[in-house]
Amino acid sequence: LWAARGHEVLIKHGGILQDLITASCIFWNMRATRFRAFEEYYPWEEGYPPLAFSTLSVARLVGESVIDIDHVKEGLNIAAKQLSSRFESKAANQQVAGFAALSWVRKILPECITYETWESLLVETLTLQDSEGWYQEYGGPDLGYLSVTIDCLWDAYDACKDDRLLASAEKSFEFIEKMTAY
């Protein structure tokens, strides 16, 4: 059984749901460790969105003690190297997801990413936010993607408790509020 409460996910360990989660993460790890993994549409395309979002999910499951790190450690190491060396400047929701994934990986495997690299990526990621509060999505704001970005800012904040992420999420939320107010 599982239930969502805010950002917490509660899973009753054991049973078919736990087996499904564990099997899914083992499958993810097998894919992550293959040459040119993280496909979105085409074989071996090395897509940034599947890299960022899937790594965030798996790292968060480890960080919240839903699965054992031994099932995914090798894949998380590979994913962290890729996320540390790639930057998605045109689709900020993806970059923020990648940064959130790195934040969770750093929390559970601090040897995978140095503080200096993490800090540099945090600063560079936050520069994608416009002074009005929106994040770059192929040249302008997109409220739908901004809601994804806010969620990922919270994910990163949950991992590291850096107030700059919280401030950014609040500023983005204020922009959405302003754009949708009647």
C-alpha atoms as a PDB file:
ATOM      1  CA  LEU A   1       0.000   0.000   0.000  1.00  0.00           C
ATOM      2  CA  TRP A   2       1.179   3.535  -0.606  1.00  0.00           C
ATOM      3  CA  ALA A   3      -0.097   7.001   0.081  1.00  0.00           C
ATOM      4  CA  ALA A   4       1.142  10.416  -0.906  1.00  0.00           C
ATOM      5  CA  ARG A   5       1.219  13.110   1.763  1.00  0.00           C
ATOM      6  CA  GLY A   6       2.773  16.327   0.565  1.00  0.00           C
ATOM      7  CA  HIS A   7       6.153  15.308  -0.796  1.00  0.00           C
ATOM      8  CA  GLU A   8       6.292  12.196   1.394  1.00  0.00           C
ATOM      9  CA  VAL A   9       5.534   8.832  -0.096  1.00  0.00           C
ATOM     10  CA  LEU A  10       4.762   6.124   2.404  1.00  0.00           C
ATOM     11  CA  ILE A  11       5.148   2.564   1.232  1.00  0.00           C
ATOM     12  CA  LYS A  12       4.375  -0.500   3.238  1.00  0.00           C
ATOM     13  CA  HIS A  13       7.536  -2.552   2.800  1.00  0.00           C
ATOM     14  CA  GLY A  14       7.038  -6.034   1.494  1.00  0.00           C
ATOM     15  CA  GLY A  15       4.346  -7.272  -0.789  1.00  0.00           C
ATOM     16  CA  ILE A  16       3.728  -6.809  -4.466  1.00  0.00           C
ATOM     17  CA  LEU A  17       4.183  -3.007  -4.577  1.00  0.00           C
ATOM     18  CA  GLN A  18       7.593  -3.228  -2.928  1.00  0.00           C
ATOM     19  CA  ASP A  19       8.551  -6.012  -5.344  1.00  0.00           C
ATOM     20  CA  LEU A  20       7.443  -3.885  -8.292  1.00  0.00           C
ATOM     21  CA  ILE A  21       9.406  -0.847  -7.093  1.00  0.00           C
ATOM     22  CA  THR A  22      12.536  -2.905  -6.491  1.00  0.00           C
ATOM     23  CA  ALA A  23      12.272  -4.673  -9.858  1.00  0.00           C
ATOM     24  CA  SER A  24      11.751  -1.334 -11.622  1.00  0.00           C
ATOM     25  CA  CYS A  25      14.831   0.127  -9.997  1.00  0.00           C
ATOM     26  CA  ILE A  26      16.919  -2.943 -10.828  1.00  0.00           C
ATOM     27  CA  PHE A  27      15.747  -2.612 -14.445  1.00  0.00           C
ATOM     28  CA  TRP A  28      16.667   1.094 -14.378  1.00  0.00           C
ATOM     29  CA  ASN A  29      20.125   0.201 -13.085  1.00  0.00           C
ATOM     30  CA  MET A  30      20.633  -2.375 -15.853  1.00  0.00           C
ATOM     31  CA  ARG A  31      19.653   0.241 -18.457  1.00  0.00           C
ATOM     32  CA  ALA A  32      21.738   2.985 -16.840  1.00  0.00           C
ATOM     33  CA  THR A  33      24.872   0.867 -16.948  1.00  0.00           C
ATOM     34  CA  ARG A  34      24.533   0.088 -20.656  1.00  0.00           C
ATOM     35  CA  PHE A  35      26.464   2.079 -23.223  1.00  0.00           C
ATOM     36  CA  ARG A  36      24.522   5.138 -24.383  1.00  0.00           C
ATOM     37  CA  ALA A  37      21.610   4.555 -22.044  1.00  0.00           C
ATOM     38  CA  PHE A  38      18.778   6.950 -21.129  1.00  0.00           C
ATOM     39  CA  GLU A  39      16.676   6.821 -24.252  1.00  0.00           C
ATOM     40  CA  GLU A  40      13.525   8.847 -24.636  1.00  0.00           C
ATOM     41  CA  TYR A  41      12.340   8.022 -28.138  1.00  0.00           C
ATOM     42  CA  TYR A  42      15.187   6.471 -30.116  1.00  0.00           C
ATOM     43  CA  PRO A  43      17.726   3.784 -29.238  1.00  0.00           C
ATOM     44  CA  TRP A  44      20.980   5.160 -27.853  1.00  0.00           C
ATOM     45  CA  GLU A  45      19.956   8.816 -28.072  1.00  0.00           C
ATOM     46  CA  GLU A  46      21.272   9.624 -24.578  1.00  0.00           C
ATOM     47  CA  GLY A  47      18.330  11.910 -23.811  1.00  0.00           C
ATOM     48  CA  TYR A  48      18.607  14.453 -21.027  1.00  0.00           C
ATOM     49  CA  PRO A  49      14.977  14.203 -19.796  1.00  0.00           C
ATOM     50  CA  PRO A  50      15.067  10.436 -19.163  1.00  0.00           C
ATOM     51  CA  LEU A  51      18.466  10.822 -17.504  1.00  0.00           C
ATOM     52  CA  ALA A  52      17.295  13.628 -15.211  1.00  0.00           C
ATOM     53  CA  PHE A  53      13.804  12.497 -14.259  1.00  0.00           C
ATOM     54  CA  SER A  54      14.541   8.792 -13.854  1.00  0.00           C
ATOM     55  CA  THR A  55      17.664   9.448 -11.798  1.00  0.00           C
ATOM     56  CA  LEU A  56      15.702  11.808  -9.556  1.00  0.00           C
ATOM     57  CA  SER A  57      13.059   9.134  -8.961  1.00  0.00           C
ATOM     58  CA  VAL A  58      15.521   6.356  -8.230  1.00  0.00           C
ATOM     59  CA  ALA A  59      17.779   8.478  -6.020  1.00  0.00           C
ATOM     60  CA  ARG A  60      14.789   9.708  -4.068  1.00  0.00           C
ATOM     61  CA  LEU A  61      13.575   6.141  -3.506  1.00  0.00           C
ATOM     62  CA  VAL A  62      17.009   5.266  -2.110  1.00  0.00           C
ATOM     63  CA  GLY A  63      17.168   8.463  -0.041  1.00  0.00           C
ATOM     64  CA  GLU A  64      13.808   7.711   1.522  1.00  0.00           C
ATOM     65  CA  SER A  65      14.789   4.092   2.280  1.00  0.00           C
ATOM     66  CA  VAL A  66      12.268   2.578  -0.099  1.00  0.00           C
ATOM     67  CA  ILE A  67      14.925   0.565  -1.934  1.00  0.00           C
ATOM     68  CA  ASP A  68      18.421  -0.553  -1.025  1.00  0.00           C
ATOM     69  CA  ILE A  69      21.245   1.424  -2.609  1.00  0.00           C
ATOM     70  CA  ASP A  70      23.030  -1.779  -3.617  1.00  0.00           C
ATOM     71  CA  HIS A  71      20.378  -2.320  -6.312  1.00  0.00           C
ATOM     72  CA  VAL A  72      21.202   0.971  -8.089  1.00  0.00           C
ATOM     73  CA  LYS A  73      24.580   2.249  -6.927  1.00  0.00           C
ATOM     74  CA  GLU A  74      26.397   1.614 -10.214  1.00  0.00           C
ATOM     75  CA  GLY A  75      23.654   3.298 -12.243  1.00  0.00           C
ATOM     76  CA  LEU A  76      23.549   6.287  -9.902  1.00  0.00           C
ATOM     77  CA  ASN A  77      27.312   6.731 -10.303  1.00  0.00           C
ATOM     78  CA  ILE A  78      26.994   6.714 -14.099  1.00  0.00           C
ATOM     79  CA  ALA A  79      23.992   9.030 -14.068  1.00  0.00           C
ATOM     80  CA  ALA A  80      25.719  11.466 -11.685  1.00  0.00           C
ATOM     81  CA  LYS A  81      28.739  11.705 -13.990  1.00  0.00           C
ATOM     82  CA  GLN A  82      26.503  12.472 -16.946  1.00  0.00           C
ATOM     83  CA  LEU A  83      24.381  15.000 -15.047  1.00  0.00           C
ATOM     84  CA  SER A  84      27.514  16.715 -13.730  1.00  0.00           C
ATOM     85  CA  SER A  85      28.914  17.171 -17.219  1.00  0.00           C
ATOM     86  CA  ARG A  86      25.762  18.177 -19.119  1.00  0.00           C
ATOM     87  CA  PHE A  87      23.671  21.334 -18.836  1.00  0.00           C
ATOM     88  CA  GLU A  88      20.224  21.846 -20.350  1.00  0.00           C
ATOM     89  CA  SER A  89      19.957  25.623 -20.802  1.00  0.00           C
ATOM     90  CA  LYS A  90      16.979  25.731 -23.167  1.00  0.00           C
ATOM     91  CA  ALA A  91      14.532  23.604 -21.151  1.00  0.00           C
ATOM     92  CA  ALA A  92      15.015  24.677 -17.549  1.00  0.00           C
ATOM     93  CA  ASN A  93      12.511  22.205 -16.108  1.00  0.00           C
ATOM     94  CA  GLN A  94      14.817  19.438 -17.306  1.00  0.00           C
ATOM     95  CA  GLN A  95      17.925  21.128 -15.912  1.00  0.00           C
ATOM     96  CA  VAL A  96      16.278  21.679 -12.544  1.00  0.00           C
ATOM     97  CA  ALA A  97      15.213  18.006 -12.527  1.00  0.00           C
ATOM     98  CA  GLY A  98      18.802  17.027 -13.269  1.00  0.00           C
ATOM     99  CA  PHE A  99      20.060  19.264 -10.502  1.00  0.00           C
ATOM    100  CA  ALA A 100      17.489  17.812  -8.083  1.00  0.00           C
ATOM    101  CA  ALA A 101      18.675  14.324  -9.048  1.00  0.00           C
ATOM    102  CA  LEU A 102      22.277  15.342  -8.359  1.00  0.00           C
ATOM    103  CA  SER A 103      21.227  16.782  -5.009  1.00  0.00           C
ATOM    104  CA  TRP A 104      19.693  13.461  -3.992  1.00  0.00           C
ATOM    105  CA  VAL A 105      22.654  11.485  -5.334  1.00  0.00           C
ATOM    106  CA  ARG A 106      25.003  13.757  -3.398  1.00  0.00           C
ATOM    107  CA  LYS A 107      22.964  13.181  -0.250  1.00  0.00           C
ATOM    108  CA  ILE A 108      23.126   9.389  -0.517  1.00  0.00           C
ATOM    109  CA  LEU A 109      26.496   9.023  -2.323  1.00  0.00           C
ATOM    110  CA  PRO A 110      28.494  12.154  -1.471  1.00  0.00           C
ATOM    111  CA  GLU A 111      31.591  10.750  -3.160  1.00  0.00           C
ATOM    112  CA  CYS A 112      29.820  10.942  -6.557  1.00  0.00           C
ATOM    113  CA  ILE A 113      29.767  14.721  -6.746  1.00  0.00           C
ATOM    114  CA  THR A 114      31.944  17.257  -4.987  1.00  0.00           C
ATOM    115  CA  TYR A 115      30.472  20.196  -3.170  1.00  0.00           C
ATOM    116  CA  GLU A 116      32.257  22.546  -5.577  1.00  0.00           C
ATOM    117  CA  THR A 117      30.694  20.894  -8.631  1.00  0.00           C
ATOM    118  CA  TRP A 118      27.282  20.808  -6.974  1.00  0.00           C
ATOM    119  CA  GLU A 119      27.539  24.488  -5.955  1.00  0.00           C
ATOM    120  CA  SER A 120      28.629  25.543  -9.430  1.00  0.00           C
ATOM    121  CA  LEU A 121      25.682  23.706 -10.987  1.00  0.00           C
ATOM    122  CA  LEU A 122      23.297  25.228  -8.451  1.00  0.00           C
ATOM    123  CA  VAL A 123      24.422  28.760  -9.311  1.00  0.00           C
ATOM    124  CA  GLU A 124      24.316  28.089 -13.058  1.00  0.00           C
ATOM    125  CA  THR A 125      20.883  26.456 -12.802  1.00  0.00           C
ATOM    126  CA  LEU A 126      19.437  29.358 -10.816  1.00  0.00           C
ATOM    127  CA  THR A 127      20.639  31.801 -13.517  1.00  0.00           C
ATOM    128  CA  LEU A 128      18.019  30.267 -15.813  1.00  0.00           C
ATOM    129  CA  GLN A 129      15.347  32.036 -13.742  1.00  0.00           C
ATOM    130  CA  ASP A 130      14.168  35.387 -15.070  1.00  0.00           C
ATOM    131  CA  SER A 131      13.851  38.317 -12.671  1.00  0.00           C
ATOM    132  CA  GLU A 132      10.052  37.957 -12.997  1.00  0.00           C
ATOM    133  CA  GLY A 133      10.241  34.431 -11.585  1.00  0.00           C
ATOM    134  CA  TRP A 134       9.832  32.209 -14.651  1.00  0.00           C
ATOM    135  CA  TYR A 135      12.438  29.788 -15.959  1.00  0.00           C
ATOM    136  CA  GLN A 136      13.647  29.581 -19.560  1.00  0.00           C
ATOM    137  CA  GLU A 137      11.744  27.133 -21.739  1.00  0.00           C
ATOM    138  CA  TYR A 138      13.023  27.546 -25.290  1.00  0.00           C
ATOM    139  CA  GLY A 139      13.146  31.337 -25.093  1.00  0.00           C
ATOM    140  CA  GLY A 140      10.316  32.232 -22.758  1.00  0.00           C
ATOM    141  CA  PRO A 141       7.986  31.265 -19.924  1.00  0.00           C
ATOM    142  CA  ASP A 142       5.723  28.218 -19.904  1.00  0.00           C
ATOM    143  CA  LEU A 143       3.378  27.861 -16.933  1.00  0.00           C
ATOM    144  CA  GLY A 144       3.013  24.101 -17.315  1.00  0.00           C
ATOM    145  CA  TYR A 145       6.746  23.481 -17.352  1.00  0.00           C
ATOM    146  CA  LEU A 146       7.183  26.034 -14.584  1.00  0.00           C
ATOM    147  CA  SER A 147       4.993  23.884 -12.338  1.00  0.00           C
ATOM    148  CA  VAL A 148       7.349  20.957 -13.064  1.00  0.00           C
ATOM    149  CA  THR A 149      10.311  23.229 -12.287  1.00  0.00           C
ATOM    150  CA  ILE A 150       8.792  24.247  -8.943  1.00  0.00           C
ATOM    151  CA  ASP A 151       8.269  20.602  -8.009  1.00  0.00           C
ATOM    152  CA  CYS A 152      11.888  19.816  -8.873  1.00  0.00           C
ATOM    153  CA  LEU A 153      13.132  22.843  -6.909  1.00  0.00           C
ATOM    154  CA  TRP A 154      11.289  21.362  -3.910  1.00  0.00           C
ATOM    155  CA  ASP A 155      12.840  17.960  -4.605  1.00  0.00           C
ATOM    156  CA  ALA A 156      16.304  19.537  -4.575  1.00  0.00           C
ATOM    157  CA  TYR A 157      15.457  21.496  -1.433  1.00  0.00           C
ATOM    158  CA  ASP A 158      14.268  18.294   0.270  1.00  0.00           C
ATOM    159  CA  ALA A 159      17.696  16.771  -0.378  1.00  0.00           C
ATOM    160  CA  CYS A 160      19.957  19.652   0.656  1.00  0.00           C
ATOM    161  CA  LYS A 161      17.855  22.269   2.499  1.00  0.00           C
ATOM    162  CA  ASP A 162      19.529  25.136   0.588  1.00  0.00           C
ATOM    163  CA  ASP A 163      17.364  28.231   1.041  1.00  0.00           C
ATOM    164  CA  ARG A 164      18.247  29.539  -2.436  1.00  0.00           C
ATOM    165  CA  LEU A 165      16.144  26.740  -3.884  1.00  0.00           C
ATOM    166  CA  LEU A 166      13.229  27.589  -1.629  1.00  0.00           C
ATOM    167  CA  ALA A 167      13.466  31.284  -2.587  1.00  0.00           C
ATOM    168  CA  SER A 168      13.520  30.368  -6.274  1.00  0.00           C
ATOM    169  CA  ALA A 169      10.465  28.124  -5.920  1.00  0.00           C
ATOM    170  CA  GLU A 170       8.591  30.880  -4.082  1.00  0.00           C
ATOM    171  CA  LYS A 171       9.455  33.424  -6.776  1.00  0.00           C
ATOM    172  CA  SER A 172       8.273  31.018  -9.487  1.00  0.00           C
ATOM    173  CA  PHE A 173       5.045  30.356  -7.618  1.00  0.00           C
ATOM    174  CA  GLU A 174       4.448  34.126  -7.314  1.00  0.00           C
ATOM    175  CA  PHE A 175       4.875  34.431 -11.095  1.00  0.00           C
ATOM    176  CA  ILE A 176       2.299  31.679 -11.711  1.00  0.00           C
ATOM    177  CA  GLU A 177      -0.043  33.307  -9.211  1.00  0.00           C
ATOM    178  CA  LYS A 178       0.325  36.674 -10.943  1.00  0.00           C
ATOM    179  CA  MET A 179      -0.272  35.179 -14.405  1.00  0.00           C
ATOM    180  CA  THR A 180      -3.365  33.231 -13.353  1.00  0.00           C
ATOM    181  CA  ALA A 181      -5.046  35.790 -11.070  1.00  0.00           C
ATOM    182  CA  TYR A 182      -8.382  37.148 -12.237  1.00  0.00           C
END
